[in-house]
Amino acid sequence: VNKKLAGSALLQFPDLVTKILESV
């Protein structure tokens, strides 16, 4: 999961976290 930049790997990228949460 992490090698696809999913799951807990996303915690390394707060800006991407923001985009995902806003989109959903």
PDB file of all heavy atoms in Angstrom:
ATOM      1  N   VAL A   1       0.841  -1.201   0.000  1.00  0.00           N
ATOM      2  CA  VAL A   1       0.000   0.000   0.000  1.00  0.00           C
ATOM      3  C   VAL A   1       0.877   1.251   0.000  1.00  0.00           C
ATOM      4  O   VAL A   1       0.665   2.186  -0.772  1.00  0.00           O
ATOM      5  CB  VAL A   1      -0.948  -0.002   1.218  1.00  0.00           C
ATOM      6  CG1 VAL A   1      -1.730   1.307   1.305  1.00  0.00           C
ATOM      7  CG2 VAL A   1      -1.899  -1.186   1.141  1.00  0.00           C
ATOM      8  N   ASN A   2       1.899   1.243   0.850  1.00  0.00           N
ATOM      9  CA  ASN A   2       2.768   2.421   0.984  1.00  0.00           C
ATOM     10  C   ASN A   2       3.570   2.721  -0.273  1.00  0.00           C
ATOM     11  O   ASN A   2       3.856   3.877  -0.585  1.00  0.00           O
ATOM     12  CB  ASN A   2       3.714   2.247   2.174  1.00  0.00           C
ATOM     13  CG  ASN A   2       3.007   2.338   3.523  1.00  0.00           C
ATOM     14  OD1 ASN A   2       3.611   2.094   4.552  1.00  0.00           O
ATOM     15  ND2 ASN A   2       1.716   2.654   3.525  1.00  0.00           N
ATOM     16  N   LYS A   3       3.958   1.678  -1.011  1.00  0.00           N
ATOM     17  CA  LYS A   3       4.764   1.918  -2.215  1.00  0.00           C
ATOM     18  C   LYS A   3       3.953   2.628  -3.299  1.00  0.00           C
ATOM     19  O   LYS A   3       4.527   3.197  -4.237  1.00  0.00           O
ATOM     20  CB  LYS A   3       5.352   0.611  -2.735  1.00  0.00           C
ATOM     21  CG  LYS A   3       4.368  -0.329  -3.388  1.00  0.00           C
ATOM     22  CD  LYS A   3       5.087  -1.587  -3.880  1.00  0.00           C
ATOM     23  CE  LYS A   3       4.128  -2.542  -4.588  1.00  0.00           C
ATOM     24  NZ  LYS A   3       4.826  -3.767  -5.048  1.00  0.00           N
ATOM     25  N   LYS A   4       2.638   2.620  -3.156  1.00  0.00           N
ATOM     26  CA  LYS A   4       1.771   3.369  -4.071  1.00  0.00           C
ATOM     27  C   LYS A   4       1.434   4.740  -3.500  1.00  0.00           C
ATOM     28  O   LYS A   4       0.539   5.425  -3.982  1.00  0.00           O
ATOM     29  CB  LYS A   4       0.485   2.579  -4.321  1.00  0.00           C
ATOM     30  CG  LYS A   4       0.711   1.238  -4.999  1.00  0.00           C
ATOM     31  CD  LYS A   4      -0.584   0.483  -5.163  1.00  0.00           C
ATOM     32  CE  LYS A   4      -0.359  -0.880  -5.808  1.00  0.00           C
ATOM     33  NZ  LYS A   4      -1.615  -1.664  -5.913  1.00  0.00           N
ATOM     34  N   LEU A   5       2.164   5.127  -2.459  1.00  0.00           N
ATOM     35  CA  LEU A   5       1.983   6.405  -1.769  1.00  0.00           C
ATOM     36  C   LEU A   5       0.595   6.515  -1.134  1.00  0.00           C
ATOM     37  O   LEU A   5       0.007   7.580  -1.042  1.00  0.00           O
ATOM     38  CB  LEU A   5       2.219   7.585  -2.707  1.00  0.00           C
ATOM     39  CG  LEU A   5       2.520   8.931  -2.032  1.00  0.00           C
ATOM     40  CD1 LEU A   5       3.803   8.840  -1.220  1.00  0.00           C
ATOM     41  CD2 LEU A   5       2.652  10.027  -3.074  1.00  0.00           C
ATOM     42  N   ALA A   6       0.061   5.366  -0.717  1.00  0.00           N
ATOM     43  CA  ALA A   6      -1.233   5.351  -0.047  1.00  0.00           C
ATOM     44  C   ALA A   6      -1.028   4.936   1.406  1.00  0.00           C
ATOM     45  O   ALA A   6       0.093   4.674   1.843  1.00  0.00           O
ATOM     46  CB  ALA A   6      -2.189   4.408  -0.758  1.00  0.00           C
ATOM     47  N   GLY A   7      -2.120   4.866   2.159  1.00  0.00           N
ATOM     48  CA  GLY A   7      -2.027   4.486   3.559  1.00  0.00           C
ATOM     49  C   GLY A   7      -1.192   5.470   4.348  1.00  0.00           C
ATOM     50  O   GLY A   7      -1.245   6.687   4.134  1.00  0.00           O
ATOM     51  N   SER A   8      -0.369   4.964   5.270  1.00  0.00           N
ATOM     52  CA  SER A   8       0.398   5.839   6.158  1.00  0.00           C
ATOM     53  C   SER A   8       1.503   6.605   5.441  1.00  0.00           C
ATOM     54  O   SER A   8       2.029   7.584   5.977  1.00  0.00           O
ATOM     55  CB  SER A   8       0.993   5.023   7.310  1.00  0.00           C
ATOM     56  OG  SER A   8       1.760   3.948   6.816  1.00  0.00           O
ATOM     57  N   ALA A   9       1.858   6.199   4.218  1.00  0.00           N
ATOM     58  CA  ALA A   9       2.880   6.941   3.462  1.00  0.00           C
ATOM     59  C   ALA A   9       2.457   8.382   3.218  1.00  0.00           C
ATOM     60  O   ALA A   9       3.296   9.290   3.109  1.00  0.00           O
ATOM     61  CB  ALA A   9       3.148   6.246   2.128  1.00  0.00           C
ATOM     62  N   LEU A  10       1.153   8.619   3.162  1.00  0.00           N
ATOM     63  CA  LEU A  10       0.650   9.966   2.900  1.00  0.00           C
ATOM     64  C   LEU A  10       0.970  10.943   4.026  1.00  0.00           C
ATOM     65  O   LEU A  10       1.003  12.160   3.795  1.00  0.00           O
ATOM     66  CB  LEU A  10      -0.864   9.919   2.674  1.00  0.00           C
ATOM     67  CG  LEU A  10      -1.310   9.331   1.332  1.00  0.00           C
ATOM     68  CD1 LEU A  10      -2.793   8.993   1.361  1.00  0.00           C
ATOM     69  CD2 LEU A  10      -1.003  10.302   0.206  1.00  0.00           C
ATOM     70  N   LEU A  11       1.214  10.432   5.226  1.00  0.00           N
ATOM     71  CA  LEU A  11       1.497  11.322   6.355  1.00  0.00           C
ATOM     72  C   LEU A  11       2.765  12.139   6.130  1.00  0.00           C
ATOM     73  O   LEU A  11       2.969  13.158   6.800  1.00  0.00           O
ATOM     74  CB  LEU A  11       1.621  10.500   7.646  1.00  0.00           C
ATOM     75  CG  LEU A  11       0.370   9.693   8.052  1.00  0.00           C
ATOM     76  CD1 LEU A  11       0.653   8.871   9.295  1.00  0.00           C
ATOM     77  CD2 LEU A  11      -0.816  10.625   8.273  1.00  0.00           C
ATOM     78  N   GLN A  12       3.597  11.718   5.193  1.00  0.00           N
ATOM     79  CA  GLN A  12       4.823  12.461   4.887  1.00  0.00           C
ATOM     80  C   GLN A  12       4.551  13.704   4.041  1.00  0.00           C
ATOM     81  O   GLN A  12       5.438  14.545   3.887  1.00  0.00           O
ATOM     82  CB  GLN A  12       5.792  11.556   4.107  1.00  0.00           C
ATOM     83  CG  GLN A  12       6.185  10.281   4.825  1.00  0.00           C
ATOM     84  CD  GLN A  12       6.934   9.336   3.904  1.00  0.00           C
ATOM     85  OE1 GLN A  12       8.175   9.314   3.893  1.00  0.00           O
ATOM     86  NE2 GLN A  12       6.211   8.563   3.115  1.00  0.00           N
ATOM     87  N   PHE A  13       3.323  13.828   3.524  1.00  0.00           N
ATOM     88  CA  PHE A  13       3.020  14.902   2.579  1.00  0.00           C
ATOM     89  C   PHE A  13       1.730  15.626   2.972  1.00  0.00           C
ATOM     90  O   PHE A  13       0.672  15.403   2.366  1.00  0.00           O
ATOM     91  CB  PHE A  13       2.906  14.329   1.166  1.00  0.00           C
ATOM     92  CG  PHE A  13       4.097  13.495   0.759  1.00  0.00           C
ATOM     93  CD1 PHE A  13       4.036  12.104   0.809  1.00  0.00           C
ATOM     94  CD2 PHE A  13       5.279  14.093   0.351  1.00  0.00           C
ATOM     95  CE1 PHE A  13       5.131  11.329   0.444  1.00  0.00           C
ATOM     96  CE2 PHE A  13       6.383  13.324  -0.007  1.00  0.00           C
ATOM     97  CZ  PHE A  13       6.306  11.947   0.042  1.00  0.00           C
ATOM     98  N   PRO A  14       1.810  16.522   3.961  1.00  0.00           N
ATOM     99  CA  PRO A  14       0.604  17.219   4.432  1.00  0.00           C
ATOM    100  C   PRO A  14      -0.155  17.969   3.339  1.00  0.00           C
ATOM    101  O   PRO A  14      -1.394  18.028   3.382  1.00  0.00           O
ATOM    102  CB  PRO A  14       1.158  18.184   5.493  1.00  0.00           C
ATOM    103  CG  PRO A  14       2.412  17.519   5.977  1.00  0.00           C
ATOM    104  CD  PRO A  14       2.989  16.852   4.778  1.00  0.00           C
ATOM    105  N   ASP A  15       0.554  18.518   2.350  1.00  0.00           N
ATOM    106  CA  ASP A  15      -0.135  19.242   1.272  1.00  0.00           C
ATOM    107  C   ASP A  15      -1.011  18.291   0.454  1.00  0.00           C
ATOM    108  O   ASP A  15      -2.131  18.643   0.071  1.00  0.00           O
ATOM    109  CB  ASP A  15       0.875  19.941   0.357  1.00  0.00           C
ATOM    110  CG  ASP A  15       1.556  21.122   1.032  1.00  0.00           C
ATOM    111  OD1 ASP A  15       1.028  21.588   2.075  1.00  0.00           O
ATOM    112  OD2 ASP A  15       2.593  21.570   0.528  1.00  0.00           O
ATOM    113  N   LEU A  16      -0.500  17.093   0.189  1.00  0.00           N
ATOM    114  CA  LEU A  16      -1.284  16.105  -0.545  1.00  0.00           C
ATOM    115  C   LEU A  16      -2.446  15.605   0.310  1.00  0.00           C
ATOM    116  O   LEU A  16      -3.553  15.380  -0.204  1.00  0.00           O
ATOM    117  CB  LEU A  16      -0.397  14.936  -0.977  1.00  0.00           C
ATOM    118  CG  LEU A  16      -1.078  13.805  -1.763  1.00  0.00           C
ATOM    119  CD1 LEU A  16      -1.790  14.343  -2.998  1.00  0.00           C
ATOM    120  CD2 LEU A  16      -0.051  12.731  -2.156  1.00  0.00           C
ATOM    121  N   VAL A  17      -2.214  15.443   1.601  1.00  0.00           N
ATOM    122  CA  VAL A  17      -3.288  15.067   2.523  1.00  0.00           C
ATOM    123  C   VAL A  17      -4.434  16.068   2.414  1.00  0.00           C
ATOM    124  O   VAL A  17      -5.607  15.692   2.298  1.00  0.00           O
ATOM    125  CB  VAL A  17      -2.769  14.998   3.977  1.00  0.00           C
ATOM    126  CG1 VAL A  17      -3.943  14.897   4.956  1.00  0.00           C
ATOM    127  CG2 VAL A  17      -1.825  13.815   4.150  1.00  0.00           C
ATOM    128  N   THR A  18      -4.089  17.350   2.411  1.00  0.00           N
ATOM    129  CA  THR A  18      -5.095  18.401   2.321  1.00  0.00           C
ATOM    130  C   THR A  18      -5.911  18.274   1.035  1.00  0.00           C
ATOM    131  O   THR A  18      -7.149  18.336   1.048  1.00  0.00           O
ATOM    132  CB  THR A  18      -4.430  19.791   2.369  1.00  0.00           C
ATOM    133  OG1 THR A  18      -3.687  19.914   3.587  1.00  0.00           O
ATOM    134  CG2 THR A  18      -5.475  20.899   2.304  1.00  0.00           C
ATOM    135  N   LYS A  19      -5.235  18.073  -0.083  1.00  0.00           N
ATOM    136  CA  LYS A  19      -5.924  17.961  -1.373  1.00  0.00           C
ATOM    137  C   LYS A  19      -6.864  16.760  -1.411  1.00  0.00           C
ATOM    138  O   LYS A  19      -7.989  16.846  -1.912  1.00  0.00           O
ATOM    139  CB  LYS A  19      -4.899  17.860  -2.501  1.00  0.00           C
ATOM    140  CG  LYS A  19      -4.108  19.141  -2.734  1.00  0.00           C
ATOM    141  CD  LYS A  19      -3.047  18.943  -3.815  1.00  0.00           C
ATOM    142  CE  LYS A  19      -2.214  20.204  -4.002  1.00  0.00           C
ATOM    143  NZ  LYS A  19      -1.124  20.005  -5.007  1.00  0.00           N
ATOM    144  N   ILE A  20      -6.397  15.642  -0.865  1.00  0.00           N
ATOM    145  CA  ILE A  20      -7.233  14.431  -0.857  1.00  0.00           C
ATOM    146  C   ILE A  20      -8.465  14.643   0.008  1.00  0.00           C
ATOM    147  O   ILE A  20      -9.599  14.341  -0.411  1.00  0.00           O
ATOM    148  CB  ILE A  20      -6.417  13.224  -0.357  1.00  0.00           C
ATOM    149  CG1 ILE A  20      -5.367  12.826  -1.394  1.00  0.00           C
ATOM    150  CG2 ILE A  20      -7.343  12.042  -0.044  1.00  0.00           C
ATOM    151  CD1 ILE A  20      -4.389  11.774  -0.914  1.00  0.00           C
ATOM    152  N   LEU A  21      -8.262  15.157   1.207  1.00  0.00           N
ATOM    153  CA  LEU A  21      -9.392  15.329   2.120  1.00  0.00           C
ATOM    154  C   LEU A  21     -10.410  16.313   1.559  1.00  0.00           C
ATOM    155  O   LEU A  21     -11.620  16.069   1.607  1.00  0.00           O
ATOM    156  CB  LEU A  21      -8.896  15.801   3.492  1.00  0.00           C
ATOM    157  CG  LEU A  21      -7.947  14.851   4.236  1.00  0.00           C
ATOM    158  CD1 LEU A  21      -7.650  15.387   5.632  1.00  0.00           C
ATOM    159  CD2 LEU A  21      -8.515  13.449   4.320  1.00  0.00           C
ATOM    160  N   GLU A  22      -9.949  17.420   1.009  1.00  0.00           N
ATOM    161  CA  GLU A  22     -10.859  18.402   0.422  1.00  0.00           C
ATOM    162  C   GLU A  22     -11.634  17.796  -0.743  1.00  0.00           C
ATOM    163  O   GLU A  22     -12.855  18.012  -0.875  1.00  0.00           O
ATOM    164  CB  GLU A  22     -10.082  19.626  -0.047  1.00  0.00           C
ATOM    165  CG  GLU A  22      -9.567  20.502   1.075  1.00  0.00           C
ATOM    166  CD  GLU A  22      -8.740  21.691   0.584  1.00  0.00           C
ATOM    167  OE1 GLU A  22      -8.298  21.667  -0.595  1.00  0.00           O
ATOM    168  OE2 GLU A  22      -8.538  22.640   1.372  1.00  0.00           O
ATOM    169  N   SER A  23     -10.951  17.029  -1.590  1.00  0.00           N
ATOM    170  CA  SER A  23     -11.594  16.435  -2.760  1.00  0.00           C
ATOM    171  C   SER A  23     -12.699  15.472  -2.365  1.00  0.00           C
ATOM    172  O   SER A  23     -13.799  15.492  -2.926  1.00  0.00           O
ATOM    173  CB  SER A  23     -10.556  15.715  -3.636  1.00  0.00           C
ATOM    174  OG  SER A  23      -9.636  16.628  -4.185  1.00  0.00           O
ATOM    175  N   VAL A  24     -12.401  14.612  -1.394  1.00  0.00           N
ATOM    176  CA  VAL A  24     -13.383  13.613  -0.986  1.00  0.00           C
ATOM    177  C   VAL A  24     -14.558  14.262  -0.257  1.00  0.00           C
ATOM    178  O   VAL A  24     -15.724  13.953  -0.542  1.00  0.00           O
ATOM    179  CB  VAL A  24     -12.730  12.529  -0.108  1.00  0.00           C
ATOM    180  CG1 VAL A  24     -13.784  11.549   0.406  1.00  0.00           C
ATOM    181  CG2 VAL A  24     -11.662  11.776  -0.895  1.00  0.00           C
TER     182      VAL A  24
END
